[in-house]
N, C-alpha and C. Protein backbone atom coordinates (compact mmCIF):
# COMPACT_ATOMS: atom_id res chain seq x y z
N MET A 1 -14.72 -12.19 21.69
CA MET A 1 -13.51 -11.68 21.04
C MET A 1 -12.54 -11.17 22.08
N ILE A 2 -11.26 -11.30 21.75
CA ILE A 2 -10.22 -10.79 22.63
C ILE A 2 -9.35 -9.85 21.81
N LEU A 3 -9.24 -8.60 22.25
CA LEU A 3 -8.36 -7.63 21.60
C LEU A 3 -7.01 -7.69 22.29
N VAL A 4 -5.98 -8.00 21.51
CA VAL A 4 -4.63 -8.13 22.04
C VAL A 4 -3.86 -6.84 21.75
N GLY A 5 -3.34 -6.24 22.81
CA GLY A 5 -2.55 -5.02 22.65
C GLY A 5 -2.93 -3.98 23.67
N GLN A 6 -2.02 -3.06 23.89
CA GLN A 6 -2.25 -1.97 24.82
C GLN A 6 -2.64 -0.71 24.06
N TYR A 7 -3.37 0.17 24.72
CA TYR A 7 -3.91 1.35 24.05
C TYR A 7 -2.89 2.45 23.82
N ASP A 8 -1.65 2.28 24.32
CA ASP A 8 -0.64 3.26 23.93
C ASP A 8 -0.25 3.08 22.47
N SER A 9 -0.68 1.99 21.87
CA SER A 9 -0.56 1.80 20.42
C SER A 9 -1.79 2.41 19.76
N PRO A 10 -1.64 3.47 18.97
CA PRO A 10 -2.80 4.09 18.33
C PRO A 10 -3.59 3.13 17.45
N VAL A 11 -2.90 2.18 16.81
CA VAL A 11 -3.63 1.27 15.94
C VAL A 11 -4.42 0.24 16.73
N THR A 12 -3.94 -0.09 17.94
CA THR A 12 -4.74 -0.94 18.82
C THR A 12 -5.94 -0.17 19.34
N ARG A 13 -5.69 1.06 19.75
CA ARG A 13 -6.79 1.87 20.28
C ARG A 13 -7.87 2.10 19.21
N ARG A 14 -7.49 2.25 17.96
CA ARG A 14 -8.50 2.48 16.91
C ARG A 14 -9.42 1.27 16.76
N ILE A 15 -8.86 0.06 16.96
CA ILE A 15 -9.70 -1.14 16.93
C ILE A 15 -10.69 -1.12 18.09
N ALA A 16 -10.21 -0.76 19.28
CA ALA A 16 -11.08 -0.71 20.44
C ALA A 16 -12.20 0.31 20.24
N ILE A 17 -11.88 1.44 19.67
CA ILE A 17 -12.89 2.47 19.41
C ILE A 17 -13.95 1.94 18.46
N ALA A 18 -13.52 1.26 17.40
CA ALA A 18 -14.48 0.68 16.45
C ALA A 18 -15.36 -0.36 17.13
N LEU A 19 -14.76 -1.21 17.96
CA LEU A 19 -15.54 -2.22 18.68
C LEU A 19 -16.60 -1.57 19.57
N HIS A 20 -16.21 -0.54 20.30
CA HIS A 20 -17.17 0.17 21.15
C HIS A 20 -18.23 0.87 20.30
N HIS A 21 -17.80 1.50 19.22
CA HIS A 21 -18.75 2.20 18.35
C HIS A 21 -19.80 1.24 17.79
N TYR A 22 -19.37 0.06 17.41
CA TYR A 22 -20.28 -0.94 16.85
C TYR A 22 -21.02 -1.73 17.91
N GLY A 23 -20.68 -1.54 19.15
CA GLY A 23 -21.34 -2.28 20.22
C GLY A 23 -21.01 -3.76 20.23
N ILE A 24 -19.81 -4.11 19.79
CA ILE A 24 -19.39 -5.50 19.74
C ILE A 24 -18.64 -5.83 21.04
N PRO A 25 -19.13 -6.79 21.82
CA PRO A 25 -18.47 -7.11 23.09
C PRO A 25 -17.08 -7.72 22.87
N PHE A 26 -16.16 -7.38 23.75
CA PHE A 26 -14.83 -7.96 23.68
C PHE A 26 -14.15 -7.87 25.04
N THR A 27 -13.17 -8.72 25.21
CA THR A 27 -12.31 -8.63 26.38
C THR A 27 -10.92 -8.25 25.87
N ARG A 28 -9.99 -8.08 26.83
CA ARG A 28 -8.68 -7.58 26.44
C ARG A 28 -7.55 -8.47 26.95
N ASP A 29 -6.50 -8.55 26.15
CA ASP A 29 -5.23 -9.14 26.55
C ASP A 29 -4.22 -8.01 26.48
N THR A 30 -3.82 -7.50 27.63
CA THR A 30 -2.99 -6.30 27.68
C THR A 30 -1.52 -6.60 27.92
N ARG A 31 -1.10 -7.81 27.62
CA ARG A 31 0.32 -8.11 27.77
C ARG A 31 1.14 -7.29 26.78
N SER A 32 2.35 -6.98 27.18
CA SER A 32 3.23 -6.10 26.41
C SER A 32 4.01 -6.87 25.35
N ILE A 33 4.16 -6.27 24.17
CA ILE A 33 4.97 -6.90 23.12
C ILE A 33 6.46 -6.85 23.47
N PHE A 34 6.82 -6.07 24.46
CA PHE A 34 8.21 -6.01 24.89
C PHE A 34 8.48 -6.98 26.04
N SER A 35 7.75 -6.84 27.13
CA SER A 35 8.02 -7.69 28.30
C SER A 35 7.39 -9.09 28.17
N ASP A 36 6.39 -9.24 27.29
CA ASP A 36 5.72 -10.54 27.13
C ASP A 36 5.82 -11.03 25.68
N ALA A 37 6.92 -10.71 25.02
CA ALA A 37 7.05 -11.00 23.59
C ALA A 37 6.90 -12.48 23.28
N ALA A 38 7.49 -13.34 24.08
CA ALA A 38 7.44 -14.78 23.79
C ALA A 38 6.01 -15.30 23.83
N ALA A 39 5.24 -14.87 24.82
CA ALA A 39 3.86 -15.31 24.93
C ALA A 39 3.02 -14.77 23.78
N LEU A 40 3.21 -13.51 23.45
CA LEU A 40 2.40 -12.91 22.39
C LEU A 40 2.76 -13.44 21.01
N SER A 41 4.00 -13.92 20.84
CA SER A 41 4.38 -14.48 19.55
C SER A 41 3.59 -15.75 19.23
N LYS A 42 3.03 -16.38 20.26
CA LYS A 42 2.21 -17.57 20.04
C LYS A 42 0.81 -17.19 19.54
N ILE A 43 0.43 -15.92 19.74
CA ILE A 43 -0.84 -15.42 19.23
C ILE A 43 -0.64 -14.76 17.88
N SER A 44 0.34 -13.90 17.82
CA SER A 44 0.65 -13.17 16.58
C SER A 44 2.09 -13.50 16.21
N PRO A 45 2.32 -14.29 15.16
CA PRO A 45 3.68 -14.76 14.84
C PRO A 45 4.70 -13.65 14.66
N LEU A 46 4.26 -12.48 14.20
CA LEU A 46 5.18 -11.36 14.02
C LEU A 46 5.38 -10.56 15.30
N THR A 47 4.71 -10.99 16.38
CA THR A 47 4.74 -10.27 17.67
C THR A 47 4.36 -8.81 17.43
N ARG A 48 3.29 -8.64 16.69
CA ARG A 48 2.77 -7.30 16.40
C ARG A 48 1.37 -7.17 16.98
N ILE A 49 1.04 -5.95 17.34
CA ILE A 49 -0.32 -5.65 17.75
C ILE A 49 -0.87 -4.57 16.82
N PRO A 50 -2.20 -4.53 16.70
CA PRO A 50 -3.18 -5.34 17.39
C PRO A 50 -3.36 -6.72 16.76
N ALA A 51 -3.95 -7.59 17.55
CA ALA A 51 -4.47 -8.86 17.05
C ALA A 51 -5.85 -9.02 17.66
N LEU A 52 -6.72 -9.69 16.94
CA LEU A 52 -8.07 -9.93 17.44
C LEU A 52 -8.34 -11.43 17.38
N VAL A 53 -8.58 -12.01 18.55
CA VAL A 53 -8.90 -13.43 18.63
C VAL A 53 -10.41 -13.58 18.59
N LEU A 54 -10.91 -14.24 17.55
CA LEU A 54 -12.35 -14.41 17.38
C LEU A 54 -12.85 -15.52 18.31
N ASP A 55 -14.15 -15.58 18.43
CA ASP A 55 -14.75 -16.54 19.37
C ASP A 55 -14.43 -17.99 19.01
N ASP A 56 -14.17 -18.26 17.74
CA ASP A 56 -13.85 -19.64 17.35
C ASP A 56 -12.35 -19.92 17.39
N GLY A 57 -11.57 -18.94 17.88
CA GLY A 57 -10.13 -19.12 18.01
C GLY A 57 -9.31 -18.57 16.87
N GLU A 58 -9.96 -18.21 15.76
CA GLU A 58 -9.21 -17.61 14.65
C GLU A 58 -8.60 -16.29 15.10
N VAL A 59 -7.37 -16.03 14.65
CA VAL A 59 -6.67 -14.81 15.02
C VAL A 59 -6.51 -13.92 13.79
N LEU A 60 -6.98 -12.70 13.90
CA LEU A 60 -6.81 -11.71 12.84
C LEU A 60 -5.69 -10.77 13.22
N ILE A 61 -4.80 -10.47 12.27
CA ILE A 61 -3.74 -9.50 12.50
C ILE A 61 -3.83 -8.39 11.46
N ASP A 62 -3.21 -7.25 11.78
CA ASP A 62 -3.20 -6.05 10.95
C ASP A 62 -4.51 -5.30 11.15
N SER A 63 -4.38 -4.02 11.52
CA SER A 63 -5.57 -3.25 11.87
C SER A 63 -6.55 -3.12 10.71
N ALA A 64 -6.05 -2.96 9.49
CA ALA A 64 -6.96 -2.82 8.35
C ALA A 64 -7.78 -4.09 8.14
N ALA A 65 -7.13 -5.25 8.26
CA ALA A 65 -7.84 -6.52 8.09
C ALA A 65 -8.85 -6.73 9.22
N ILE A 66 -8.48 -6.34 10.43
CA ILE A 66 -9.40 -6.47 11.56
C ILE A 66 -10.61 -5.58 11.36
N LEU A 67 -10.38 -4.34 10.96
CA LEU A 67 -11.50 -3.41 10.75
C LEU A 67 -12.41 -3.87 9.62
N ASP A 68 -11.84 -4.48 8.59
CA ASP A 68 -12.65 -5.01 7.50
C ASP A 68 -13.62 -6.05 8.04
N HIS A 69 -13.14 -6.91 8.94
CA HIS A 69 -14.01 -7.92 9.54
C HIS A 69 -15.08 -7.25 10.42
N LEU A 70 -14.69 -6.28 11.22
CA LEU A 70 -15.66 -5.62 12.10
C LEU A 70 -16.73 -4.89 11.30
N ASP A 71 -16.32 -4.27 10.20
CA ASP A 71 -17.30 -3.58 9.35
C ASP A 71 -18.34 -4.56 8.81
N GLU A 72 -17.90 -5.77 8.51
CA GLU A 72 -18.84 -6.79 8.02
C GLU A 72 -19.81 -7.22 9.11
N GLN A 73 -19.38 -7.17 10.37
CA GLN A 73 -20.24 -7.61 11.46
C GLN A 73 -21.24 -6.54 11.89
N ALA A 74 -20.92 -5.29 11.62
CA ALA A 74 -21.75 -4.18 12.10
C ALA A 74 -23.04 -4.09 11.29
N ASP A 75 -24.11 -3.69 11.96
CA ASP A 75 -25.39 -3.55 11.26
C ASP A 75 -25.93 -2.12 11.31
N HIS A 76 -25.13 -1.20 11.83
CA HIS A 76 -25.57 0.20 11.87
C HIS A 76 -24.35 1.09 12.06
N ALA A 77 -24.53 2.37 11.72
CA ALA A 77 -23.50 3.39 11.96
C ALA A 77 -22.12 2.96 11.44
N LEU A 78 -22.10 2.43 10.23
CA LEU A 78 -20.83 1.98 9.66
C LEU A 78 -19.84 3.14 9.57
N LEU A 79 -18.58 2.83 9.82
CA LEU A 79 -17.53 3.84 9.82
C LEU A 79 -16.89 4.03 8.46
N ILE A 80 -17.49 3.45 7.42
CA ILE A 80 -16.99 3.63 6.06
C ILE A 80 -18.14 3.41 5.08
N PRO A 81 -18.26 4.24 4.05
CA PRO A 81 -19.29 4.02 3.03
C PRO A 81 -19.07 2.68 2.32
N ALA A 82 -20.13 2.17 1.74
CA ALA A 82 -20.08 0.85 1.12
C ALA A 82 -19.27 0.81 -0.16
N SER A 83 -19.28 1.90 -0.92
CA SER A 83 -18.61 1.86 -2.22
C SER A 83 -18.43 3.28 -2.76
N GLY A 84 -17.75 3.35 -3.90
CA GLY A 84 -17.67 4.59 -4.64
C GLY A 84 -16.66 5.61 -4.13
N PRO A 85 -16.73 6.84 -4.65
CA PRO A 85 -15.78 7.89 -4.28
C PRO A 85 -15.75 8.17 -2.78
N ALA A 86 -16.91 8.12 -2.12
CA ALA A 86 -16.93 8.39 -0.68
C ALA A 86 -16.11 7.36 0.08
N ARG A 87 -16.21 6.10 -0.31
CA ARG A 87 -15.42 5.05 0.34
C ARG A 87 -13.93 5.27 0.10
N ARG A 88 -13.57 5.58 -1.16
CA ARG A 88 -12.16 5.81 -1.46
C ARG A 88 -11.61 7.00 -0.68
N PHE A 89 -12.42 8.02 -0.50
CA PHE A 89 -11.97 9.20 0.25
C PHE A 89 -11.66 8.82 1.70
N VAL A 90 -12.54 8.06 2.31
CA VAL A 90 -12.30 7.62 3.69
C VAL A 90 -11.03 6.77 3.76
N LEU A 91 -10.87 5.85 2.82
CA LEU A 91 -9.69 4.99 2.81
C LEU A 91 -8.41 5.80 2.63
N GLN A 92 -8.45 6.81 1.76
CA GLN A 92 -7.26 7.61 1.52
C GLN A 92 -6.93 8.50 2.72
N MET A 93 -7.92 9.08 3.35
CA MET A 93 -7.68 9.90 4.54
C MET A 93 -7.14 9.03 5.67
N THR A 94 -7.69 7.84 5.80
CA THR A 94 -7.21 6.91 6.83
C THR A 94 -5.77 6.50 6.54
N ALA A 95 -5.47 6.23 5.28
CA ALA A 95 -4.11 5.84 4.90
C ALA A 95 -3.12 6.98 5.14
N LEU A 96 -3.53 8.20 4.86
CA LEU A 96 -2.67 9.35 5.13
C LEU A 96 -2.36 9.47 6.62
N ALA A 97 -3.38 9.33 7.43
CA ALA A 97 -3.18 9.43 8.88
C ALA A 97 -2.31 8.29 9.39
N GLN A 98 -2.55 7.07 8.89
CA GLN A 98 -1.75 5.94 9.36
C GLN A 98 -0.31 6.06 8.87
N GLY A 99 -0.11 6.52 7.64
CA GLY A 99 1.24 6.72 7.13
C GLY A 99 1.99 7.78 7.93
N THR A 100 1.28 8.83 8.32
CA THR A 100 1.88 9.86 9.16
C THR A 100 2.28 9.28 10.51
N LEU A 101 1.38 8.47 11.07
CA LEU A 101 1.68 7.81 12.34
C LEU A 101 2.94 6.96 12.24
N GLU A 102 3.10 6.24 11.15
CA GLU A 102 4.28 5.39 11.00
C GLU A 102 5.56 6.20 11.04
N LYS A 103 5.55 7.40 10.45
CA LYS A 103 6.74 8.25 10.47
C LYS A 103 6.99 8.81 11.87
N VAL A 104 5.91 9.19 12.55
CA VAL A 104 6.04 9.68 13.92
C VAL A 104 6.60 8.56 14.81
N ALA A 105 6.05 7.37 14.67
CA ALA A 105 6.50 6.24 15.49
C ALA A 105 7.97 5.91 15.21
N ALA A 106 8.39 6.06 13.97
CA ALA A 106 9.80 5.81 13.63
C ALA A 106 10.71 6.75 14.41
N VAL A 107 10.29 8.01 14.53
CA VAL A 107 11.07 8.99 15.30
C VAL A 107 11.08 8.61 16.78
N VAL A 108 9.90 8.27 17.29
CA VAL A 108 9.79 7.92 18.71
C VAL A 108 10.69 6.73 19.05
N TYR A 109 10.65 5.70 18.24
CA TYR A 109 11.44 4.50 18.54
C TYR A 109 12.93 4.72 18.31
N GLU A 110 13.28 5.51 17.32
CA GLU A 110 14.70 5.83 17.12
C GLU A 110 15.26 6.52 18.36
N ARG A 111 14.49 7.44 18.91
CA ARG A 111 14.96 8.16 20.09
C ARG A 111 14.88 7.32 21.36
N HIS A 112 13.91 6.43 21.40
CA HIS A 112 13.72 5.62 22.62
C HIS A 112 14.76 4.51 22.74
N PHE A 113 15.08 3.88 21.61
CA PHE A 113 15.91 2.69 21.68
C PHE A 113 17.38 2.95 21.35
N HIS A 114 17.70 4.09 20.77
CA HIS A 114 19.09 4.37 20.41
C HIS A 114 19.62 5.53 21.24
N LEU A 115 20.82 5.36 21.74
CA LEU A 115 21.49 6.46 22.43
C LEU A 115 21.73 7.60 21.44
N PRO A 116 21.82 8.83 21.93
CA PRO A 116 21.98 9.98 21.02
C PRO A 116 23.11 9.80 20.00
N GLU A 117 24.23 9.24 20.43
CA GLU A 117 25.38 9.11 19.52
C GLU A 117 25.16 8.04 18.46
N HIS A 118 24.13 7.21 18.63
CA HIS A 118 23.85 6.14 17.66
C HIS A 118 22.65 6.46 16.76
N ARG A 119 22.06 7.60 16.93
CA ARG A 119 20.89 7.95 16.14
C ARG A 119 21.31 8.53 14.78
N SER A 120 20.50 8.24 13.79
CA SER A 120 20.73 8.79 12.45
C SER A 120 19.98 10.10 12.31
N ILE A 121 20.70 11.20 12.27
CA ILE A 121 20.05 12.51 12.14
C ILE A 121 19.35 12.63 10.79
N ASP A 122 19.98 12.09 9.74
CA ASP A 122 19.36 12.14 8.41
C ASP A 122 18.02 11.40 8.41
N TRP A 123 18.00 10.22 9.04
CA TRP A 123 16.77 9.44 9.11
C TRP A 123 15.70 10.18 9.92
N LEU A 124 16.09 10.72 11.06
CA LEU A 124 15.13 11.46 11.88
C LEU A 124 14.57 12.65 11.13
N ASN A 125 15.42 13.40 10.47
CA ASN A 125 14.94 14.57 9.73
C ASN A 125 14.03 14.18 8.58
N ARG A 126 14.34 13.07 7.93
CA ARG A 126 13.49 12.59 6.84
C ARG A 126 12.10 12.22 7.38
N CYS A 127 12.07 11.47 8.48
CA CYS A 127 10.78 11.06 9.05
C CYS A 127 10.00 12.26 9.56
N LEU A 128 10.68 13.20 10.19
CA LEU A 128 10.00 14.41 10.67
C LEU A 128 9.39 15.19 9.50
N GLY A 129 10.14 15.28 8.42
CA GLY A 129 9.62 15.98 7.24
C GLY A 129 8.42 15.27 6.64
N GLN A 130 8.46 13.94 6.60
CA GLN A 130 7.33 13.18 6.07
C GLN A 130 6.11 13.30 6.98
N ALA A 131 6.34 13.30 8.30
CA ALA A 131 5.23 13.47 9.23
C ALA A 131 4.59 14.84 9.07
N ARG A 132 5.40 15.86 8.93
CA ARG A 132 4.86 17.22 8.73
C ARG A 132 4.07 17.29 7.42
N ALA A 133 4.59 16.67 6.37
CA ALA A 133 3.89 16.67 5.09
C ALA A 133 2.55 15.95 5.19
N GLY A 134 2.53 14.85 5.95
CA GLY A 134 1.28 14.12 6.14
C GLY A 134 0.24 14.96 6.86
N LEU A 135 0.66 15.65 7.91
CA LEU A 135 -0.26 16.54 8.64
C LEU A 135 -0.77 17.67 7.76
N ASP A 136 0.13 18.22 6.96
CA ASP A 136 -0.27 19.30 6.06
C ASP A 136 -1.32 18.82 5.06
N GLU A 137 -1.11 17.64 4.50
CA GLU A 137 -2.04 17.12 3.51
C GLU A 137 -3.38 16.76 4.13
N LEU A 138 -3.36 16.17 5.32
CA LEU A 138 -4.60 15.88 6.02
C LEU A 138 -5.38 17.16 6.27
N THR A 139 -4.70 18.20 6.69
CA THR A 139 -5.35 19.49 6.94
C THR A 139 -5.95 20.04 5.65
N HIS A 140 -5.21 19.91 4.57
CA HIS A 140 -5.68 20.42 3.28
C HIS A 140 -6.93 19.68 2.80
N ARG A 141 -6.99 18.38 3.02
CA ARG A 141 -8.11 17.57 2.52
C ARG A 141 -9.29 17.51 3.48
N LEU A 142 -9.10 17.97 4.71
CA LEU A 142 -10.12 17.82 5.74
C LEU A 142 -11.44 18.47 5.35
N VAL A 143 -12.53 17.76 5.61
CA VAL A 143 -13.88 18.25 5.39
C VAL A 143 -14.52 18.39 6.77
N THR A 144 -15.55 19.21 6.88
CA THR A 144 -16.22 19.37 8.17
C THR A 144 -17.66 18.87 8.09
N PRO A 145 -18.28 18.51 9.23
CA PRO A 145 -17.75 18.62 10.58
C PRO A 145 -16.78 17.50 10.96
N TYR A 146 -16.83 16.38 10.21
CA TYR A 146 -15.88 15.31 10.44
C TYR A 146 -14.88 15.28 9.29
N ALA A 147 -13.91 14.41 9.38
CA ALA A 147 -12.80 14.42 8.43
C ALA A 147 -13.24 14.27 6.99
N CYS A 148 -14.30 13.47 6.77
CA CYS A 148 -14.74 13.18 5.41
C CYS A 148 -16.18 13.65 5.14
N GLY A 149 -16.72 14.47 6.03
CA GLY A 149 -18.08 14.95 5.80
C GLY A 149 -18.92 14.98 7.05
N SER A 150 -20.17 14.54 6.91
CA SER A 150 -21.14 14.74 7.97
C SER A 150 -21.15 13.65 9.04
N THR A 151 -20.48 12.53 8.78
CA THR A 151 -20.53 11.42 9.75
C THR A 151 -19.14 10.96 10.15
N LEU A 152 -19.07 10.35 11.31
CA LEU A 152 -17.83 9.79 11.83
C LEU A 152 -17.40 8.60 10.97
N THR A 153 -16.11 8.53 10.68
CA THR A 153 -15.57 7.43 9.87
C THR A 153 -14.26 6.93 10.49
N HIS A 154 -13.73 5.89 9.87
CA HIS A 154 -12.43 5.37 10.29
C HIS A 154 -11.34 6.45 10.20
N ALA A 155 -11.49 7.37 9.28
CA ALA A 155 -10.50 8.44 9.15
C ALA A 155 -10.45 9.29 10.41
N ASP A 156 -11.61 9.61 10.98
CA ASP A 156 -11.64 10.39 12.22
C ASP A 156 -10.96 9.63 13.36
N VAL A 157 -11.20 8.33 13.42
CA VAL A 157 -10.60 7.52 14.47
C VAL A 157 -9.08 7.51 14.33
N MET A 158 -8.59 7.32 13.11
CA MET A 158 -7.15 7.27 12.90
C MET A 158 -6.51 8.62 13.16
N ILE A 159 -7.15 9.69 12.71
CA ILE A 159 -6.61 11.04 12.94
C ILE A 159 -6.57 11.33 14.44
N THR A 160 -7.61 10.98 15.14
CA THR A 160 -7.67 11.27 16.58
C THR A 160 -6.60 10.51 17.34
N THR A 161 -6.42 9.24 17.03
CA THR A 161 -5.39 8.48 17.74
C THR A 161 -3.99 8.96 17.35
N LEU A 162 -3.83 9.41 16.11
CA LEU A 162 -2.56 10.01 15.69
C LEU A 162 -2.26 11.27 16.49
N ILE A 163 -3.25 12.16 16.59
CA ILE A 163 -3.03 13.42 17.31
C ILE A 163 -2.73 13.14 18.78
N TRP A 164 -3.47 12.21 19.38
CA TRP A 164 -3.17 11.87 20.77
C TRP A 164 -1.73 11.41 20.91
N TYR A 165 -1.30 10.50 20.04
CA TYR A 165 0.04 9.94 20.13
C TYR A 165 1.09 11.04 19.97
N MET A 166 0.87 11.95 19.04
CA MET A 166 1.83 13.02 18.83
C MET A 166 1.89 13.95 20.04
N GLN A 167 0.75 14.30 20.58
CA GLN A 167 0.75 15.18 21.75
C GLN A 167 1.40 14.52 22.95
N ASP A 168 1.31 13.21 23.01
CA ASP A 168 1.89 12.48 24.14
C ASP A 168 3.36 12.18 23.94
N ARG A 169 3.77 11.88 22.70
CA ARG A 169 5.10 11.34 22.47
C ARG A 169 6.04 12.26 21.68
N MET A 170 5.53 13.00 20.68
CA MET A 170 6.42 13.75 19.79
C MET A 170 5.60 14.77 19.01
N ASP A 171 5.48 15.98 19.55
CA ASP A 171 4.57 16.95 18.91
C ASP A 171 5.30 18.08 18.19
N GLU A 172 6.60 17.93 17.92
CA GLU A 172 7.35 19.06 17.40
C GLU A 172 6.96 19.48 15.99
N VAL A 173 6.34 18.60 15.21
CA VAL A 173 5.88 19.01 13.88
C VAL A 173 4.37 19.22 13.84
N LEU A 174 3.71 19.08 14.99
CA LEU A 174 2.27 19.32 15.08
C LEU A 174 2.06 20.78 15.46
N SER A 175 1.64 21.59 14.50
CA SER A 175 1.52 23.03 14.72
C SER A 175 0.13 23.37 15.24
N PRO A 176 0.03 24.10 16.37
CA PRO A 176 -1.28 24.50 16.89
C PRO A 176 -2.01 25.47 15.98
N THR A 177 -1.31 26.07 15.04
CA THR A 177 -1.96 26.98 14.09
C THR A 177 -2.18 26.30 12.74
N ALA A 178 -1.11 25.78 12.15
CA ALA A 178 -1.25 25.17 10.82
C ALA A 178 -2.13 23.93 10.84
N HIS A 179 -2.13 23.21 11.96
CA HIS A 179 -2.90 21.97 12.06
C HIS A 179 -4.04 22.08 13.07
N ALA A 180 -4.50 23.30 13.28
CA ALA A 180 -5.55 23.54 14.28
C ALA A 180 -6.81 22.75 14.00
N SER A 181 -7.16 22.59 12.73
CA SER A 181 -8.41 21.88 12.41
C SER A 181 -8.31 20.41 12.78
N LEU A 182 -7.13 19.80 12.64
CA LEU A 182 -6.94 18.41 13.04
C LEU A 182 -7.04 18.27 14.56
N ILE A 183 -6.43 19.21 15.25
CA ILE A 183 -6.45 19.17 16.71
C ILE A 183 -7.87 19.35 17.23
N THR A 184 -8.61 20.27 16.62
CA THR A 184 -10.00 20.51 17.04
C THR A 184 -10.85 19.28 16.79
N LEU A 185 -10.66 18.65 15.63
CA LEU A 185 -11.40 17.42 15.33
C LEU A 185 -11.11 16.35 16.37
N ALA A 186 -9.83 16.16 16.69
CA ALA A 186 -9.45 15.14 17.66
C ALA A 186 -10.04 15.45 19.04
N GLU A 187 -10.01 16.70 19.43
CA GLU A 187 -10.58 17.08 20.73
C GLU A 187 -12.07 16.75 20.79
N HIS A 188 -12.78 17.00 19.69
CA HIS A 188 -14.20 16.67 19.66
C HIS A 188 -14.41 15.16 19.73
N CYS A 189 -13.67 14.42 18.92
CA CYS A 189 -13.86 12.97 18.89
C CYS A 189 -13.57 12.34 20.26
N GLU A 190 -12.59 12.87 20.97
CA GLU A 190 -12.25 12.31 22.28
C GLU A 190 -13.40 12.44 23.28
N THR A 191 -14.38 13.29 23.00
CA THR A 191 -15.53 13.43 23.90
C THR A 191 -16.62 12.40 23.60
N LEU A 192 -16.51 11.69 22.48
CA LEU A 192 -17.55 10.74 22.08
C LEU A 192 -17.45 9.46 22.91
N PRO A 193 -18.56 8.79 23.16
CA PRO A 193 -18.57 7.63 24.05
C PRO A 193 -17.58 6.53 23.67
N ALA A 194 -17.48 6.20 22.40
CA ALA A 194 -16.59 5.11 21.99
C ALA A 194 -15.13 5.44 22.27
N PHE A 195 -14.78 6.70 22.12
CA PHE A 195 -13.41 7.12 22.37
C PHE A 195 -13.12 7.12 23.87
N ARG A 196 -14.08 7.62 24.64
CA ARG A 196 -13.89 7.63 26.10
C ARG A 196 -13.78 6.21 26.65
N ALA A 197 -14.53 5.29 26.05
CA ALA A 197 -14.49 3.90 26.52
C ALA A 197 -13.15 3.24 26.25
N ALA A 198 -12.39 3.80 25.29
CA ALA A 198 -11.09 3.24 24.93
C ALA A 198 -9.96 4.14 25.43
N ALA A 199 -10.18 4.81 26.55
CA ALA A 199 -9.15 5.66 27.14
C ALA A 199 -8.03 4.81 27.73
N LEU A 200 -6.82 5.35 27.74
CA LEU A 200 -5.68 4.62 28.28
C LEU A 200 -5.73 4.54 29.79
N SER A 201 -5.28 3.40 30.29
CA SER A 201 -4.99 3.26 31.71
C SER A 201 -3.52 3.62 31.94
N ASP A 202 -3.19 3.98 33.15
CA ASP A 202 -1.82 4.41 33.43
C ASP A 202 -0.79 3.34 33.09
N PHE A 203 -1.13 2.07 33.33
CA PHE A 203 -0.15 1.00 33.10
C PHE A 203 0.16 0.80 31.63
N GLU A 204 -0.67 1.33 30.74
CA GLU A 204 -0.49 1.13 29.32
C GLU A 204 0.41 2.17 28.67
N LYS A 205 0.74 3.21 29.38
CA LYS A 205 1.50 4.29 28.77
C LYS A 205 2.96 3.85 28.59
N MET A 206 3.46 4.12 27.40
CA MET A 206 4.84 3.76 27.08
C MET A 206 5.80 4.52 27.96
N PRO A 207 6.74 3.84 28.62
CA PRO A 207 7.71 4.55 29.47
C PRO A 207 8.56 5.50 28.65
N ARG A 208 8.86 6.64 29.22
CA ARG A 208 9.68 7.63 28.54
C ARG A 208 11.16 7.33 28.81
N SER A 209 11.97 7.61 27.82
CA SER A 209 13.41 7.36 27.97
C SER A 209 14.04 8.45 28.81
């Protein structure tokens, strides 16, 4: 398998963490969707990451679809329950974290690609408010010791990559007091082997404007 994408993308990094957690071997294609867009469009028509190239050449896109495939391949320590309320809880917590990430990323890209005089303050404030609401709701629903109970799940992976991204790129709505439980969870998860194995290299970090 070949994982396409750089780890400064939280959704790419979450795939790498799952691969390491499941012990599934893979190599990496770390070309940039910005500087290598033409080449990557031949792998992923939308020029989006992550993408996962399977051993037979099939290409999977969208992190949720990729994780669904990886879950089917795993034979132990699954990151999601098989069915029922527990599965729905993990899916909802993961969706909350990913939705929050999308609002944070919208702020980051608005500021990165638009000059100050061309930015929409209304749009930025709306996204910031939605990101704060997402963090608040995640904190409210959080269970211990992991996000959804006693075992590590996809929700923990998504929350951890979200918190990393916010601390690195845009942390103004991430409160060290109101969201302390999310930060503590992320700090713990970052010490786990699968997370350490998917640590960023310097060349993967998004340049700051």
